[in-house]
C-alpha atoms as a PDB file:
ATOM      1  CA  MET A   1       9.563  45.148  70.705  1.00  0.00           C
ATOM      2  CA  LYS A   2      10.547  47.707  73.193  1.00  0.00           C
ATOM      3  CA  PRO A   3      14.434  49.017  72.959  1.00  0.00           C
ATOM      4  CA  PHE A   4      16.330  49.012  76.407  1.00  0.00           C
ATOM      5  CA  PRO A   5      16.457  52.295  78.503  1.00  0.00           C
ATOM      6  CA  THR A   6      20.122  53.651  78.498  1.00  0.00           C
ATOM      7  CA  LEU A   7      21.438  52.382  81.843  1.00  0.00           C
ATOM      8  CA  THR A   8      24.479  54.118  83.608  1.00  0.00           C
ATOM      9  CA  SER A   9      25.432  52.044  86.468  1.00  0.00           C
ATOM     10  CA  ASP A  10      24.977  48.573  87.548  1.00  0.00           C
ATOM     11  CA  GLU A  11      22.135  49.750  90.103  1.00  0.00           C
ATOM     12  CA  ASP A  12      20.244  51.294  87.271  1.00  0.00           C
ATOM     13  CA  ALA A  13      20.543  48.172  85.456  1.00  0.00           C
ATOM     14  CA  GLU A  14      19.433  45.854  88.796  1.00  0.00           C
ATOM     15  CA  ASP A  15      16.611  48.583  89.071  1.00  0.00           C
ATOM     16  CA  PHE A  16      15.417  48.055  85.857  1.00  0.00           C
ATOM     17  CA  VAL A  17      15.237  44.618  85.933  1.00  0.00           C
ATOM     18  CA  VAL A  18      13.161  44.072  88.842  1.00  0.00           C
ATOM     19  CA  GLY A  19       9.707  43.461  87.950  1.00  0.00           C
ATOM     20  CA  VAL A  20      10.169  43.888  84.236  1.00  0.00           C
ATOM     21  CA  ASP A  21       9.250  41.243  81.813  1.00  0.00           C
ATOM     22  CA  LEU A  22      12.676  41.294  79.945  1.00  0.00           C
ATOM     23  CA  THR A  23      10.839  39.285  76.584  1.00  0.00           C
ATOM     24  CA  GLU A  24       9.061  42.428  75.777  1.00  0.00           C
ATOM     25  CA  TYR A  25      12.747  44.177  75.241  1.00  0.00           C
ATOM     26  CA  ASP A  26      14.962  43.505  71.968  1.00  0.00           C
ATOM     27  CA  PRO A  27      18.311  42.635  73.072  1.00  0.00           C
ATOM     28  CA  SER A  28      20.238  42.806  69.573  1.00  0.00           C
ATOM     29  CA  GLU A  29      21.936  46.072  69.854  1.00  0.00           C
ATOM     30  CA  MET A  30      22.786  45.356  73.743  1.00  0.00           C
ATOM     31  CA  VAL A  31      26.631  45.621  74.680  1.00  0.00           C
ATOM     32  CA  THR A  32      28.296  44.511  77.514  1.00  0.00           C
ATOM     33  CA  ILE A  33      29.526  46.825  79.767  1.00  0.00           C
ATOM     34  CA  ARG A  34      31.638  47.088  83.089  1.00  0.00           C
ATOM     35  CA  PHE A  35      31.088  50.124  85.478  1.00  0.00           C
ATOM     36  CA  GLU A  36      33.848  49.529  88.039  1.00  0.00           C
ATOM     37  CA  ARG A  37      36.429  51.995  88.306  1.00  0.00           C
ATOM     38  CA  THR A  38      39.198  50.189  89.690  1.00  0.00           C
ATOM     39  CA  GLY A  39      43.083  50.121  88.634  1.00  0.00           C
ATOM     40  CA  GLU A  40      45.343  52.841  87.241  1.00  0.00           C
ATOM     41  CA  ALA A  41      44.762  55.722  84.990  1.00  0.00           C
ATOM     42  CA  GLY A  42      46.830  55.879  81.908  1.00  0.00           C
ATOM     43  CA  THR A  43      47.043  58.312  78.727  1.00  0.00           C
ATOM     44  CA  VAL A  44      46.697  57.240  75.505  1.00  0.00           C
ATOM     45  CA  VAL A  45      47.432  59.490  72.431  1.00  0.00           C
ATOM     46  CA  LEU A  46      44.944  58.998  69.390  1.00  0.00           C
ATOM     47  CA  PRO A  47      44.752  60.778  66.053  1.00  0.00           C
ATOM     48  CA  ASP A  48      41.838  63.266  65.786  1.00  0.00           C
ATOM     49  CA  ALA A  49      39.892  61.226  63.798  1.00  0.00           C
ATOM     50  CA  LEU A  50      39.682  57.856  65.798  1.00  0.00           C
ATOM     51  CA  LEU A  51      38.920  60.353  68.996  1.00  0.00           C
ATOM     52  CA  ALA A  52      36.154  61.595  67.399  1.00  0.00           C
ATOM     53  CA  ALA A  53      34.905  58.217  65.985  1.00  0.00           C
ATOM     54  CA  SER A  54      35.242  56.782  69.308  1.00  0.00           C
ATOM     55  CA  ARG A  55      33.387  59.924  71.250  1.00  0.00           C
ATOM     56  CA  GLU A  56      30.440  59.382  68.322  1.00  0.00           C
ATOM     57  CA  LYS A  57      30.572  55.522  69.161  1.00  0.00           C
ATOM     58  CA  ALA A  58      29.837  55.847  72.740  1.00  0.00           C
ATOM     59  CA  ALA A  59      27.188  58.556  72.785  1.00  0.00           C
ATOM     60  CA  HIS A  60      25.839  56.542  70.099  1.00  0.00           C
ATOM     61  CA  LEU A  61      25.912  53.699  72.703  1.00  0.00           C
ATOM     62  CA  GLY A  62      25.012  55.654  75.176  1.00  0.00           C
ATOM     63  CA  ILE A  63      28.125  55.297  77.731  1.00  0.00           C
ATOM     64  CA  PRO A  64      31.178  57.158  78.687  1.00  0.00           C
ATOM     65  CA  LEU A  65      34.449  57.397  76.439  1.00  0.00           C
ATOM     66  CA  ASP A  66      36.165  55.938  78.967  1.00  0.00           C
ATOM     67  CA  VAL A  67      33.830  53.079  79.066  1.00  0.00           C
ATOM     68  CA  PHE A  68      33.658  52.602  75.636  1.00  0.00           C
ATOM     69  CA  VAL A  69      37.230  52.819  75.183  1.00  0.00           C
ATOM     70  CA  ARG A  70      37.986  50.059  77.813  1.00  0.00           C
ATOM     71  CA  SER A  71      35.825  48.126  76.346  1.00  0.00           C
ATOM     72  CA  ALA A  72      36.859  48.219  73.137  1.00  0.00           C
ATOM     73  CA  ILE A  73      40.560  47.318  74.082  1.00  0.00           C
ATOM     74  CA  GLU A  74      38.828  44.132  76.658  1.00  0.00           C
ATOM     75  CA  ARG A  75      37.409  42.627  73.240  1.00  0.00           C
ATOM     76  CA  ALA A  76      40.960  43.128  71.364  1.00  0.00           C
ATOM     77  CA  LEU A  77      42.480  41.007  73.933  1.00  0.00           C
ATOM     78  CA  THR A  78      39.756  38.085  74.117  1.00  0.00           C
ATOM     79  CA  THR A  79      39.113  37.615  70.726  1.00  0.00           C
ATOM     80  CA  ASP A  80      41.365  35.570  68.595  1.00  0.00           C
END
């Protein structure tokens, strides 16, 4: 199976799926993220090690740090 390409916007994702056979791709490492930039900005102070680990994980997933942090917070608030 093919790995999914790194998609950095909703538009990239929409362009990718047009005319592609998605059964040829491996979805096992996909994560759901949203790209909208709405709401207020905030500041969070993190220990150096946690910030470094967050940057590393975001880079591994191919997403910006702020998107990763938002996604992590949303997951934490929606799981029991």
